[in-house]
Amino acid sequence: MEFLRLLLLFLHFIGMAVLIGAFIAQMRQKPEDGGRRPSAGILHGALTQLITGLALVGIREGALDMPVDHVKIAVKLLVVLVIVVLALVGRRKSLNNALFGAVGVLAVLNVAIAVFWR
């Protein structure tokens, strides 16, 4: 089970890299029609983070009996859900620059929560 946990953690990091990388790459492009449509990379990175994060919590609590800070996980879950909703809405209708920027800020916030919340 430890190998599965490490594999999920690796995929979680990949999702984070894809999300933030796609956001930075898209920030360099000019907005179209006064707004931006989040790329598929942003959506897929956020969904990867969501799915692997939930799986990591399940593995830690269920199979490995490792402690989990439920408040921290709830905050991180809320942040990634907002990112997913913004990405889904933005795929249908362009987001204004403030909402598009919020996607990047929230992604970095989630990393900061993971690192600094102890």
PDB file of N, CA and C in Angstrom:
ATOM      1  N   MET A   1       0.807  -1.204   0.000  1.00  0.00           N
ATOM      2  CA  MET A   1       0.000   0.000   0.000  1.00  0.00           C
ATOM      3  C   MET A   1       0.852   1.270   0.000  1.00  0.00           C
ATOM      4  N   GLU A   2       2.034   1.186   0.591  1.00  0.00           N
ATOM      5  CA  GLU A   2       2.913   2.355   0.604  1.00  0.00           C
ATOM      6  C   GLU A   2       3.298   2.755  -0.818  1.00  0.00           C
ATOM      7  N   PHE A   3       3.516   1.764  -1.688  1.00  0.00           N
ATOM      8  CA  PHE A   3       3.836   2.079  -3.084  1.00  0.00           C
ATOM      9  C   PHE A   3       2.671   2.809  -3.742  1.00  0.00           C
ATOM     10  N   LEU A   4       1.451   2.365  -3.479  1.00  0.00           N
ATOM     11  CA  LEU A   4       0.272   3.021  -4.052  1.00  0.00           C
ATOM     12  C   LEU A   4       0.164   4.463  -3.558  1.00  0.00           C
ATOM     13  N   ARG A   5       0.430   4.683  -2.275  1.00  0.00           N
ATOM     14  CA  ARG A   5       0.396   6.039  -1.723  1.00  0.00           C
ATOM     15  C   ARG A   5       1.430   6.926  -2.413  1.00  0.00           C
ATOM     16  N   LEU A   6       2.632   6.400  -2.593  1.00  0.00           N
ATOM     17  CA  LEU A   6       3.682   7.185  -3.246  1.00  0.00           C
ATOM     18  C   LEU A   6       3.349   7.448  -4.711  1.00  0.00           C
ATOM     19  N   LEU A   7       2.745   6.470  -5.385  1.00  0.00           N
ATOM     20  CA  LEU A   7       2.335   6.661  -6.780  1.00  0.00           C
ATOM     21  C   LEU A   7       1.263   7.752  -6.874  1.00  0.00           C
ATOM     22  N   LEU A   8       0.295   7.710  -5.973  1.00  0.00           N
ATOM     23  CA  LEU A   8      -0.747   8.746  -5.956  1.00  0.00           C
ATOM     24  C   LEU A   8      -0.156  10.121  -5.648  1.00  0.00           C
ATOM     25  N   LEU A   9       0.801  10.165  -4.734  1.00  0.00           N
ATOM     26  CA  LEU A   9       1.455  11.430  -4.405  1.00  0.00           C
ATOM     27  C   LEU A   9       2.210  11.972  -5.620  1.00  0.00           C
ATOM     28  N   PHE A  10       2.897  11.091  -6.345  1.00  0.00           N
ATOM     29  CA  PHE A  10       3.599  11.478  -7.573  1.00  0.00           C
ATOM     30  C   PHE A  10       2.613  12.064  -8.587  1.00  0.00           C
ATOM     31  N   LEU A  11       1.490  11.381  -8.800  1.00  0.00           N
ATOM     32  CA  LEU A  11       0.480  11.866  -9.746  1.00  0.00           C
ATOM     33  C   LEU A  11      -0.143  13.181  -9.268  1.00  0.00           C
ATOM     34  N   HIS A  12      -0.275  13.332  -7.957  1.00  0.00           N
ATOM     35  CA  HIS A  12      -0.793  14.578  -7.381  1.00  0.00           C
ATOM     36  C   HIS A  12       0.145  15.741  -7.719  1.00  0.00           C
ATOM     37  N   PHE A  13       1.451  15.506  -7.592  1.00  0.00           N
ATOM     38  CA  PHE A  13       2.440  16.532  -7.949  1.00  0.00           C
ATOM     39  C   PHE A  13       2.408  16.836  -9.441  1.00  0.00           C
ATOM     40  N   ILE A  14       2.223  15.809 -10.268  1.00  0.00           N
ATOM     41  CA  ILE A  14       2.120  16.018 -11.717  1.00  0.00           C
ATOM     42  C   ILE A  14       0.904  16.904 -12.021  1.00  0.00           C
ATOM     43  N   GLY A  15      -0.231  16.623 -11.377  1.00  0.00           N
ATOM     44  CA  GLY A  15      -1.430  17.441 -11.568  1.00  0.00           C
ATOM     45  C   GLY A  15      -1.192  18.889 -11.188  1.00  0.00           C
ATOM     46  N   MET A  16      -0.460  19.099 -10.090  1.00  0.00           N
ATOM     47  CA  MET A  16      -0.139  20.462  -9.663  1.00  0.00           C
ATOM     48  C   MET A  16       0.739  21.151 -10.697  1.00  0.00           C
ATOM     49  N   ALA A  17       1.734  20.437 -11.201  1.00  0.00           N
ATOM     50  CA  ALA A  17       2.637  21.022 -12.200  1.00  0.00           C
ATOM     51  C   ALA A  17       1.889  21.366 -13.487  1.00  0.00           C
ATOM     52  N   VAL A  18       0.990  20.482 -13.912  1.00  0.00           N
ATOM     53  CA  VAL A  18       0.209  20.739 -15.126  1.00  0.00           C
ATOM     54  C   VAL A  18      -0.699  21.952 -14.922  1.00  0.00           C
ATOM     55  N   LEU A  19      -1.374  22.016 -13.793  1.00  0.00           N
ATOM     56  CA  LEU A  19      -2.284  23.127 -13.502  1.00  0.00           C
ATOM     57  C   LEU A  19      -1.548  24.467 -13.505  1.00  0.00           C
ATOM     58  N   ILE A  20      -0.486  24.568 -12.740  1.00  0.00           N
ATOM     59  CA  ILE A  20       0.237  25.836 -12.638  1.00  0.00           C
ATOM     60  C   ILE A  20       0.988  26.136 -13.934  1.00  0.00           C
ATOM     61  N   GLY A  21       1.561  25.115 -14.554  1.00  0.00           N
ATOM     62  CA  GLY A  21       2.267  25.320 -15.821  1.00  0.00           C
ATOM     63  C   GLY A  21       1.347  25.800 -16.928  1.00  0.00           C
ATOM     64  N   ALA A  22       0.174  25.183 -17.035  1.00  0.00           N
ATOM     65  CA  ALA A  22      -0.792  25.599 -18.061  1.00  0.00           C
ATOM     66  C   ALA A  22      -1.288  27.014 -17.791  1.00  0.00           C
ATOM     67  N   PHE A  23      -1.477  27.343 -16.527  1.00  0.00           N
ATOM     68  CA  PHE A  23      -1.905  28.703 -16.183  1.00  0.00           C
ATOM     69  C   PHE A  23      -0.844  29.724 -16.597  1.00  0.00           C
ATOM     70  N   ILE A  24       0.412  29.465 -16.257  1.00  0.00           N
ATOM     71  CA  ILE A  24       1.493  30.398 -16.603  1.00  0.00           C
ATOM     72  C   ILE A  24       1.629  30.523 -18.114  1.00  0.00           C
ATOM     73  N   ALA A  25       1.548  29.395 -18.821  1.00  0.00           N
ATOM     74  CA  ALA A  25       1.648  29.433 -20.283  1.00  0.00           C
ATOM     75  C   ALA A  25       0.520  30.261 -20.885  1.00  0.00           C
ATOM     76  N   GLN A  26      -0.676  30.123 -20.335  1.00  0.00           N
ATOM     77  CA  GLN A  26      -1.813  30.855 -20.884  1.00  0.00           C
ATOM     78  C   GLN A  26      -1.773  32.335 -20.496  1.00  0.00           C
ATOM     79  N   MET A  27      -1.169  32.660 -19.375  1.00  0.00           N
ATOM     80  CA  MET A  27      -1.047  34.068 -18.975  1.00  0.00           C
ATOM     81  C   MET A  27      -0.209  34.850 -19.981  1.00  0.00           C
ATOM     82  N   ARG A  28       0.684  34.175 -20.657  1.00  0.00           N
ATOM     83  CA  ARG A  28       1.559  34.842 -21.624  1.00  0.00           C
ATOM     84  C   ARG A  28       0.824  35.174 -22.921  1.00  0.00           C
ATOM     85  N   GLN A  29      -0.322  34.538 -23.147  1.00  0.00           N
ATOM     86  CA  GLN A  29      -1.082  34.785 -24.372  1.00  0.00           C
ATOM     87  C   GLN A  29      -1.997  35.994 -24.182  1.00  0.00           C
ATOM     88  N   LYS A  30      -2.315  36.638 -25.297  1.00  0.00           N
ATOM     89  CA  LYS A  30      -3.240  37.775 -25.236  1.00  0.00           C
ATOM     90  C   LYS A  30      -4.661  37.267 -25.011  1.00  0.00           C
ATOM     91  N   PRO A  31      -5.425  37.973 -24.162  1.00  0.00           N
ATOM     92  CA  PRO A  31      -6.826  37.574 -23.972  1.00  0.00           C
ATOM     93  C   PRO A  31      -7.631  37.829 -25.239  1.00  0.00           C
ATOM     94  N   GLU A  32      -8.614  36.976 -25.473  1.00  0.00           N
ATOM     95  CA  GLU A  32      -9.487  37.141 -26.637  1.00  0.00           C
ATOM     96  C   GLU A  32     -10.852  37.621 -26.174  1.00  0.00           C
ATOM     97  N   ASP A  33     -11.415  38.570 -26.864  1.00  0.00           N
ATOM     98  CA  ASP A  33     -12.751  39.101 -26.563  1.00  0.00           C
ATOM     99  C   ASP A  33     -12.870  39.587 -25.120  1.00  0.00           C
ATOM    100  N   GLY A  34     -11.817  40.140 -24.570  1.00  0.00           N
ATOM    101  CA  GLY A  34     -11.876  40.681 -23.222  1.00  0.00           C
ATOM    102  C   GLY A  34     -11.846  39.640 -22.126  1.00  0.00           C
ATOM    103  N   GLY A  35     -11.627  38.394 -22.460  1.00  0.00           N
ATOM    104  CA  GLY A  35     -11.576  37.349 -21.447  1.00  0.00           C
ATOM    105  C   GLY A  35     -10.678  36.210 -21.868  1.00  0.00           C
ATOM    106  N   ARG A  36     -10.599  35.213 -21.028  1.00  0.00           N
ATOM    107  CA  ARG A  36      -9.762  34.045 -21.310  1.00  0.00           C
ATOM    108  C   ARG A  36     -10.578  32.782 -21.073  1.00  0.00           C
ATOM    109  N   ARG A  37     -10.327  31.800 -21.899  1.00  0.00           N
ATOM    110  CA  ARG A  37     -10.908  30.473 -21.695  1.00  0.00           C
ATOM    111  C   ARG A  37      -9.805  29.575 -21.139  1.00  0.00           C
ATOM    112  N   PRO A  38      -9.977  29.048 -19.929  1.00  0.00           N
ATOM    113  CA  PRO A  38      -8.942  28.177 -19.369  1.00  0.00           C
ATOM    114  C   PRO A  38      -8.669  26.996 -20.296  1.00  0.00           C
ATOM    115  N   SER A  39      -7.398  26.683 -20.474  1.00  0.00           N
ATOM    116  CA  SER A  39      -7.013  25.589 -21.361  1.00  0.00           C
ATOM    117  C   SER A  39      -7.404  24.245 -20.746  1.00  0.00           C
ATOM    118  N   ALA A  40      -7.367  23.223 -21.580  1.00  0.00           N
ATOM    119  CA  ALA A  40      -7.653  21.867 -21.100  1.00  0.00           C
ATOM    120  C   ALA A  40      -6.646  21.454 -20.033  1.00  0.00           C
ATOM    121  N   GLY A  41      -5.418  21.957 -20.131  1.00  0.00           N
ATOM    122  CA  GLY A  41      -4.401  21.630 -19.134  1.00  0.00           C
ATOM    123  C   GLY A  41      -4.788  22.098 -17.744  1.00  0.00           C
ATOM    124  N   ILE A  42      -5.390  23.268 -17.664  1.00  0.00           N
ATOM    125  CA  ILE A  42      -5.832  23.785 -16.367  1.00  0.00           C
ATOM    126  C   ILE A  42      -6.913  22.880 -15.790  1.00  0.00           C
ATOM    127  N   LEU A  43      -7.891  22.535 -16.609  1.00  0.00           N
ATOM    128  CA  LEU A  43      -8.973  21.672 -16.139  1.00  0.00           C
ATOM    129  C   LEU A  43      -8.454  20.288 -15.770  1.00  0.00           C
ATOM    130  N   HIS A  44      -7.645  19.692 -16.627  1.00  0.00           N
ATOM    131  CA  HIS A  44      -7.141  18.340 -16.361  1.00  0.00           C
ATOM    132  C   HIS A  44      -6.209  18.307 -15.157  1.00  0.00           C
ATOM    133  N   GLY A  45      -5.391  19.345 -15.005  1.00  0.00           N
ATOM    134  CA  GLY A  45      -4.528  19.414 -13.833  1.00  0.00           C
ATOM    135  C   GLY A  45      -5.336  19.504 -12.546  1.00  0.00           C
ATOM    136  N   ALA A  46      -6.382  20.329 -12.558  1.00  0.00           N
ATOM    137  CA  ALA A  46      -7.230  20.478 -11.370  1.00  0.00           C
ATOM    138  C   ALA A  46      -7.978  19.185 -11.059  1.00  0.00           C
ATOM    139  N   LEU A  47      -8.493  18.530 -12.092  1.00  0.00           N
ATOM    140  CA  LEU A  47      -9.195  17.262 -11.867  1.00  0.00           C
ATOM    141  C   LEU A  47      -8.244  16.184 -11.363  1.00  0.00           C
ATOM    142  N   THR A  48      -7.020  16.168 -11.880  1.00  0.00           N
ATOM    143  CA  THR A  48      -6.020  15.215 -11.394  1.00  0.00           C
ATOM    144  C   THR A  48      -5.736  15.465  -9.924  1.00  0.00           C
ATOM    145  N   GLN A  49      -5.588  16.733  -9.546  1.00  0.00           N
ATOM    146  CA  GLN A  49      -5.361  17.075  -8.145  1.00  0.00           C
ATOM    147  C   GLN A  49      -6.536  16.628  -7.268  1.00  0.00           C
ATOM    148  N   LEU A  50      -7.743  16.866  -7.744  1.00  0.00           N
ATOM    149  CA  LEU A  50      -8.939  16.500  -6.983  1.00  0.00           C
ATOM    150  C   LEU A  50      -9.013  14.992  -6.767  1.00  0.00           C
ATOM    151  N   ILE A  51      -8.884  14.233  -7.835  1.00  0.00           N
ATOM    152  CA  ILE A  51      -9.038  12.778  -7.755  1.00  0.00           C
ATOM    153  C   ILE A  51      -7.916  12.142  -6.941  1.00  0.00           C
ATOM    154  N   THR A  52      -6.671  12.522  -7.223  1.00  0.00           N
ATOM    155  CA  THR A  52      -5.559  11.916  -6.484  1.00  0.00           C
ATOM    156  C   THR A  52      -5.557  12.371  -5.027  1.00  0.00           C
ATOM    157  N   GLY A  53      -5.983  13.603  -4.771  1.00  0.00           N
ATOM    158  CA  GLY A  53      -6.064  14.074  -3.391  1.00  0.00           C
ATOM    159  C   GLY A  53      -7.070  13.280  -2.574  1.00  0.00           C
ATOM    160  N   LEU A  54      -8.236  13.036  -3.157  1.00  0.00           N
ATOM    161  CA  LEU A  54      -9.240  12.217  -2.461  1.00  0.00           C
ATOM    162  C   LEU A  54      -8.734  10.796  -2.243  1.00  0.00           C
ATOM    163  N   ALA A  55      -8.069  10.246  -3.255  1.00  0.00           N
ATOM    164  CA  ALA A  55      -7.524   8.889  -3.127  1.00  0.00           C
ATOM    165  C   ALA A  55      -6.433   8.836  -2.059  1.00  0.00           C
ATOM    166  N   LEU A  56      -5.609   9.860  -1.988  1.00  0.00           N
ATOM    167  CA  LEU A  56      -4.556   9.900  -0.965  1.00  0.00           C
ATOM    168  C   LEU A  56      -5.148   9.913   0.443  1.00  0.00           C
ATOM    169  N   VAL A  57      -6.186  10.690   0.643  1.00  0.00           N
ATOM    170  CA  VAL A  57      -6.832  10.730   1.959  1.00  0.00           C
ATOM    171  C   VAL A  57      -7.408   9.355   2.289  1.00  0.00           C
ATOM    172  N   GLY A  58      -8.063   8.723   1.317  1.00  0.00           N
ATOM    173  CA  GLY A  58      -8.624   7.392   1.541  1.00  0.00           C
ATOM    174  C   GLY A  58      -7.569   6.358   1.885  1.00  0.00           C
ATOM    175  N   ILE A  59      -6.458   6.374   1.169  1.00  0.00           N
ATOM    176  CA  ILE A  59      -5.371   5.420   1.427  1.00  0.00           C
ATOM    177  C   ILE A  59      -4.753   5.676   2.798  1.00  0.00           C
ATOM    178  N   ARG A  60      -4.511   6.940   3.108  1.00  0.00           N
ATOM    179  CA  ARG A  60      -3.881   7.271   4.396  1.00  0.00           C
ATOM    180  C   ARG A  60      -4.764   6.847   5.573  1.00  0.00           C
ATOM    181  N   GLU A  61      -6.048   7.127   5.477  1.00  0.00           N
ATOM    182  CA  GLU A  61      -6.938   6.804   6.591  1.00  0.00           C
ATOM    183  C   GLU A  61      -7.310   5.335   6.633  1.00  0.00           C
ATOM    184  N   GLY A  62      -7.644   4.784   5.457  1.00  0.00           N
ATOM    185  CA  GLY A  62      -8.170   3.429   5.416  1.00  0.00           C
ATOM    186  C   GLY A  62      -7.122   2.348   5.538  1.00  0.00           C
ATOM    187  N   ALA A  63      -6.208   2.313   4.596  1.00  0.00           N
ATOM    188  CA  ALA A  63      -5.278   1.196   4.509  1.00  0.00           C
ATOM    189  C   ALA A  63      -4.040   1.382   5.384  1.00  0.00           C
ATOM    190  N   LEU A  64      -3.538   2.590   5.490  1.00  0.00           N
ATOM    191  CA  LEU A  64      -2.270   2.807   6.181  1.00  0.00           C
ATOM    192  C   LEU A  64      -2.436   3.321   7.604  1.00  0.00           C
ATOM    193  N   ASP A  65      -3.645   3.679   7.995  1.00  0.00           N
ATOM    194  CA  ASP A  65      -3.923   4.179   9.343  1.00  0.00           C
ATOM    195  C   ASP A  65      -2.979   5.323   9.727  1.00  0.00           C
ATOM    196  N   MET A  66      -2.764   6.232   8.767  1.00  0.00           N
ATOM    197  CA  MET A  66      -1.932   7.410   9.005  1.00  0.00           C
ATOM    198  C   MET A  66      -2.848   8.581   9.363  1.00  0.00           C
ATOM    199  N   PRO A  67      -2.378   9.497  10.196  1.00  0.00           N
ATOM    200  CA  PRO A  67      -3.231  10.630  10.593  1.00  0.00           C
ATOM    201  C   PRO A  67      -3.486  11.586   9.427  1.00  0.00           C
ATOM    202  N   VAL A  68      -4.678  12.177   9.433  1.00  0.00           N
ATOM    203  CA  VAL A  68      -5.071  13.155   8.419  1.00  0.00           C
ATOM    204  C   VAL A  68      -5.679  14.355   9.144  1.00  0.00           C
ATOM    205  N   ASP A  69      -5.242  15.547   8.782  1.00  0.00           N
ATOM    206  CA  ASP A  69      -5.812  16.779   9.328  1.00  0.00           C
ATOM    207  C   ASP A  69      -7.056  17.109   8.499  1.00  0.00           C
ATOM    208  N   HIS A  70      -8.222  16.801   9.049  1.00  0.00           N
ATOM    209  CA  HIS A  70      -9.470  16.932   8.293  1.00  0.00           C
ATOM    210  C   HIS A  70      -9.807  18.380   7.935  1.00  0.00           C
ATOM    211  N   VAL A  71      -9.465  19.318   8.799  1.00  0.00           N
ATOM    212  CA  VAL A  71      -9.739  20.723   8.497  1.00  0.00           C
ATOM    213  C   VAL A  71      -8.878  21.171   7.316  1.00  0.00           C
ATOM    214  N   LYS A  72      -7.612  20.811   7.339  1.00  0.00           N
ATOM    215  CA  LYS A  72      -6.707  21.152   6.233  1.00  0.00           C
ATOM    216  C   LYS A  72      -7.204  20.547   4.925  1.00  0.00           C
ATOM    217  N   ILE A  73      -7.601  19.289   4.966  1.00  0.00           N
ATOM    218  CA  ILE A  73      -8.087  18.609   3.761  1.00  0.00           C
ATOM    219  C   ILE A  73      -9.373  19.273   3.265  1.00  0.00           C
ATOM    220  N   ALA A  74     -10.252  19.672   4.179  1.00  0.00           N
ATOM    221  CA  ALA A  74     -11.500  20.338   3.777  1.00  0.00           C
ATOM    222  C   ALA A  74     -11.210  21.668   3.087  1.00  0.00           C
ATOM    223  N   VAL A  75     -10.259  22.428   3.606  1.00  0.00           N
ATOM    224  CA  VAL A  75      -9.904  23.710   2.987  1.00  0.00           C
ATOM    225  C   VAL A  75      -9.307  23.475   1.605  1.00  0.00           C
ATOM    226  N   LYS A  76      -8.391  22.505   1.491  1.00  0.00           N
ATOM    227  CA  LYS A  76      -7.778  22.205   0.193  1.00  0.00           C
ATOM    228  C   LYS A  76      -8.821  21.698  -0.797  1.00  0.00           C
ATOM    229  N   LEU A  77      -9.769  20.904  -0.322  1.00  0.00           N
ATOM    230  CA  LEU A  77     -10.838  20.403  -1.188  1.00  0.00           C
ATOM    231  C   LEU A  77     -11.698  21.560  -1.698  1.00  0.00           C
ATOM    232  N   LEU A  78     -12.042  22.478  -0.815  1.00  0.00           N
ATOM    233  CA  LEU A  78     -12.833  23.644  -1.222  1.00  0.00           C
ATOM    234  C   LEU A  78     -12.096  24.467  -2.281  1.00  0.00           C
ATOM    235  N   VAL A  79     -10.806  24.676  -2.078  1.00  0.00           N
ATOM    236  CA  VAL A  79     -10.016  25.463  -3.035  1.00  0.00           C
ATOM    237  C   VAL A  79      -9.991  24.784  -4.397  1.00  0.00           C
ATOM    238  N   VAL A  80      -9.730  23.476  -4.428  1.00  0.00           N
ATOM    239  CA  VAL A  80      -9.646  22.790  -5.728  1.00  0.00           C
ATOM    240  C   VAL A  80     -11.020  22.703  -6.393  1.00  0.00           C
ATOM    241  N   LEU A  81     -12.079  22.607  -5.613  1.00  0.00           N
ATOM    242  CA  LEU A  81     -13.418  22.605  -6.210  1.00  0.00           C
ATOM    243  C   LEU A  81     -13.733  23.949  -6.866  1.00  0.00           C
ATOM    244  N   VAL A  82     -13.320  25.042  -6.243  1.00  0.00           N
ATOM    245  CA  VAL A  82     -13.520  26.362  -6.854  1.00  0.00           C
ATOM    246  C   VAL A  82     -12.729  26.454  -8.158  1.00  0.00           C
ATOM    247  N   ILE A  83     -11.503  25.936  -8.167  1.00  0.00           N
ATOM    248  CA  ILE A  83     -10.695  25.944  -9.393  1.00  0.00           C
ATOM    249  C   ILE A  83     -11.387  25.143 -10.489  1.00  0.00           C
ATOM    250  N   VAL A  84     -11.887  23.955 -10.149  1.00  0.00           N
ATOM    251  CA  VAL A  84     -12.565  23.107 -11.143  1.00  0.00           C
ATOM    252  C   VAL A  84     -13.805  23.814 -11.685  1.00  0.00           C
ATOM    253  N   VAL A  85     -14.596  24.422 -10.807  1.00  0.00           N
ATOM    254  CA  VAL A  85     -15.805  25.125 -11.258  1.00  0.00           C
ATOM    255  C   VAL A  85     -15.435  26.286 -12.179  1.00  0.00           C
ATOM    256  N   LEU A  86     -14.437  27.070 -11.798  1.00  0.00           N
ATOM    257  CA  LEU A  86     -14.011  28.182 -12.659  1.00  0.00           C
ATOM    258  C   LEU A  86     -13.512  27.676 -14.008  1.00  0.00           C
ATOM    259  N   ALA A  87     -12.773  26.571 -14.000  1.00  0.00           N
ATOM    260  CA  ALA A  87     -12.267  26.013 -15.258  1.00  0.00           C
ATOM    261  C   ALA A  87     -13.411  25.504 -16.128  1.00  0.00           C
ATOM    262  N   LEU A  88     -14.394  24.854 -15.519  1.00  0.00           N
ATOM    263  CA  LEU A  88     -15.534  24.351 -16.292  1.00  0.00           C
ATOM    264  C   LEU A  88     -16.376  25.495 -16.852  1.00  0.00           C
ATOM    265  N   VAL A  89     -16.639  26.500 -16.029  1.00  0.00           N
ATOM    266  CA  VAL A  89     -17.404  27.657 -16.502  1.00  0.00           C
ATOM    267  C   VAL A  89     -16.628  28.372 -17.598  1.00  0.00           C
ATOM    268  N   GLY A  90     -15.331  28.516 -17.403  1.00  0.00           N
ATOM    269  CA  GLY A  90     -14.500  29.204 -18.373  1.00  0.00           C
ATOM    270  C   GLY A  90     -14.339  28.468 -19.687  1.00  0.00           C
ATOM    271  N   ARG A  91     -14.554  27.168 -19.683  1.00  0.00           N
ATOM    272  CA  ARG A  91     -14.483  26.409 -20.935  1.00  0.00           C
ATOM    273  C   ARG A  91     -15.698  26.723 -21.806  1.00  0.00           C
ATOM    274  N   ARG A  92     -16.818  27.090 -21.179  1.00  0.00           N
ATOM    275  CA  ARG A  92     -18.027  27.417 -21.929  1.00  0.00           C
ATOM    276  C   ARG A  92     -18.104  28.908 -22.276  1.00  0.00           C
ATOM    277  N   LYS A  93     -17.686  29.739 -21.334  1.00  0.00           N
ATOM    278  CA  LYS A  93     -17.784  31.196 -21.500  1.00  0.00           C
ATOM    279  C   LYS A  93     -16.497  31.812 -20.951  1.00  0.00           C
ATOM    280  N   SER A  94     -15.910  32.713 -21.699  1.00  0.00           N
ATOM    281  CA  SER A  94     -14.638  33.322 -21.280  1.00  0.00           C
ATOM    282  C   SER A  94     -14.746  33.931 -19.883  1.00  0.00           C
ATOM    283  N   LEU A  95     -13.678  33.746 -19.104  1.00  0.00           N
ATOM    284  CA  LEU A  95     -13.595  34.368 -17.786  1.00  0.00           C
ATOM    285  C   LEU A  95     -12.945  35.736 -17.936  1.00  0.00           C
ATOM    286  N   ASN A  96     -13.406  36.702 -17.146  1.00  0.00           N
ATOM    287  CA  ASN A  96     -12.698  37.980 -17.172  1.00  0.00           C
ATOM    288  C   ASN A  96     -11.317  37.774 -16.541  1.00  0.00           C
ATOM    289  N   ASN A  97     -10.453  38.742 -16.712  1.00  0.00           N
ATOM    290  CA  ASN A  97      -9.069  38.578 -16.260  1.00  0.00           C
ATOM    291  C   ASN A  97      -8.963  38.336 -14.759  1.00  0.00           C
ATOM    292  N   ALA A  98      -9.850  38.929 -13.980  1.00  0.00           N
ATOM    293  CA  ALA A  98      -9.807  38.741 -12.529  1.00  0.00           C
ATOM    294  C   ALA A  98     -10.131  37.296 -12.155  1.00  0.00           C
ATOM    295  N   LEU A  99     -11.165  36.725 -12.761  1.00  0.00           N
ATOM    296  CA  LEU A  99     -11.518  35.336 -12.451  1.00  0.00           C
ATOM    297  C   LEU A  99     -10.460  34.375 -12.965  1.00  0.00           C
ATOM    298  N   PHE A 100      -9.916  34.661 -14.148  1.00  0.00           N
ATOM    299  CA  PHE A 100      -8.855  33.804 -14.662  1.00  0.00           C
ATOM    300  C   PHE A 100      -7.632  33.872 -13.741  1.00  0.00           C
ATOM    301  N   GLY A 101      -7.301  35.070 -13.280  1.00  0.00           N
ATOM    302  CA  GLY A 101      -6.190  35.218 -12.342  1.00  0.00           C
ATOM    303  C   GLY A 101      -6.442  34.499 -11.031  1.00  0.00           C
ATOM    304  N   ALA A 102      -7.710  34.445 -10.619  1.00  0.00           N
ATOM    305  CA  ALA A 102      -8.062  33.741  -9.385  1.00  0.00           C
ATOM    306  C   ALA A 102      -7.718  32.261  -9.476  1.00  0.00           C
ATOM    307  N   VAL A 103      -7.820  31.687 -10.668  1.00  0.00           N
ATOM    308  CA  VAL A 103      -7.459  30.275 -10.847  1.00  0.00           C
ATOM    309  C   VAL A 103      -5.997  30.064 -10.457  1.00  0.00           C
ATOM    310  N   GLY A 104      -5.117  30.913 -10.955  1.00  0.00           N
ATOM    311  CA  GLY A 104      -3.695  30.790 -10.629  1.00  0.00           C
ATOM    312  C   GLY A 104      -3.404  31.057  -9.166  1.00  0.00           C
ATOM    313  N   VAL A 105      -4.037  32.083  -8.618  1.00  0.00           N
ATOM    314  CA  VAL A 105      -3.826  32.412  -7.205  1.00  0.00           C
ATOM    315  C   VAL A 105      -4.296  31.257  -6.322  1.00  0.00           C
ATOM    316  N   LEU A 106      -5.448  30.684  -6.636  1.00  0.00           N
ATOM    317  CA  LEU A 106      -5.965  29.565  -5.844  1.00  0.00           C
ATOM    318  C   LEU A 106      -5.077  28.332  -5.965  1.00  0.00           C
ATOM    319  N   ALA A 107      -4.527  28.096  -7.152  1.00  0.00           N
ATOM    320  CA  ALA A 107      -3.627  26.950  -7.332  1.00  0.00           C
ATOM    321  C   ALA A 107      -2.382  27.105  -6.463  1.00  0.00           C
ATOM    322  N   VAL A 108      -1.810  28.300  -6.464  1.00  0.00           N
ATOM    323  CA  VAL A 108      -0.630  28.554  -5.631  1.00  0.00           C
ATOM    324  C   VAL A 108      -1.008  28.522  -4.149  1.00  0.00           C
ATOM    325  N   LEU A 109      -2.187  29.018  -3.813  1.00  0.00           N
ATOM    326  CA  LEU A 109      -2.664  28.957  -2.430  1.00  0.00           C
ATOM    327  C   LEU A 109      -2.751  27.514  -1.949  1.00  0.00           C
ATOM    328  N   ASN A 110      -3.237  26.616  -2.799  1.00  0.00           N
ATOM    329  CA  ASN A 110      -3.346  25.212  -2.413  1.00  0.00           C
ATOM    330  C   ASN A 110      -1.973  24.608  -2.133  1.00  0.00           C
ATOM    331  N   VAL A 111      -0.978  24.981  -2.913  1.00  0.00           N
ATOM    332  CA  VAL A 111       0.389  24.510  -2.657  1.00  0.00           C
ATOM    333  C   VAL A 111       0.883  25.073  -1.328  1.00  0.00           C
ATOM    334  N   ALA A 112       0.633  26.355  -1.081  1.00  0.00           N
ATOM    335  CA  ALA A 112       1.064  26.980   0.171  1.00  0.00           C
ATOM    336  C   ALA A 112       0.402  26.321   1.378  1.00  0.00           C
ATOM    337  N   ILE A 113      -0.871  25.994   1.261  1.00  0.00           N
ATOM    338  CA  ILE A 113      -1.565  25.306   2.358  1.00  0.00           C
ATOM    339  C   ILE A 113      -0.912  23.955   2.617  1.00  0.00           C
ATOM    340  N   ALA A 114      -0.605  23.230   1.558  1.00  0.00           N
ATOM    341  CA  ALA A 114       0.019  21.912   1.708  1.00  0.00           C
ATOM    342  C   ALA A 114       1.377  22.010   2.401  1.00  0.00           C
ATOM    343  N   VAL A 115       2.131  23.044   2.084  1.00  0.00           N
ATOM    344  CA  VAL A 115       3.491  23.161   2.612  1.00  0.00           C
ATOM    345  C   VAL A 115       3.513  23.745   4.019  1.00  0.00           C
ATOM    346  N   PHE A 116       2.772  24.817   4.250  1.00  0.00           N
ATOM    347  CA  PHE A 116       2.926  25.573   5.491  1.00  0.00           C
ATOM    348  C   PHE A 116       1.945  25.212   6.603  1.00  0.00           C
ATOM    349  N   TRP A 117       0.818  24.577   6.280  1.00  0.00           N
ATOM    350  CA  TRP A 117      -0.159  24.233   7.321  1.00  0.00           C
ATOM    351  C   TRP A 117       0.311  22.958   8.005  1.00  0.00           C
ATOM    352  N   ARG A 118       0.725  23.073   9.231  1.00  0.00           N
ATOM    353  CA  ARG A 118       1.221  21.905   9.985  1.00  0.00           C
ATOM    354  C   ARG A 118       0.434  21.703  11.231  1.00  0.00           C
TER     355      ARG A 118
END
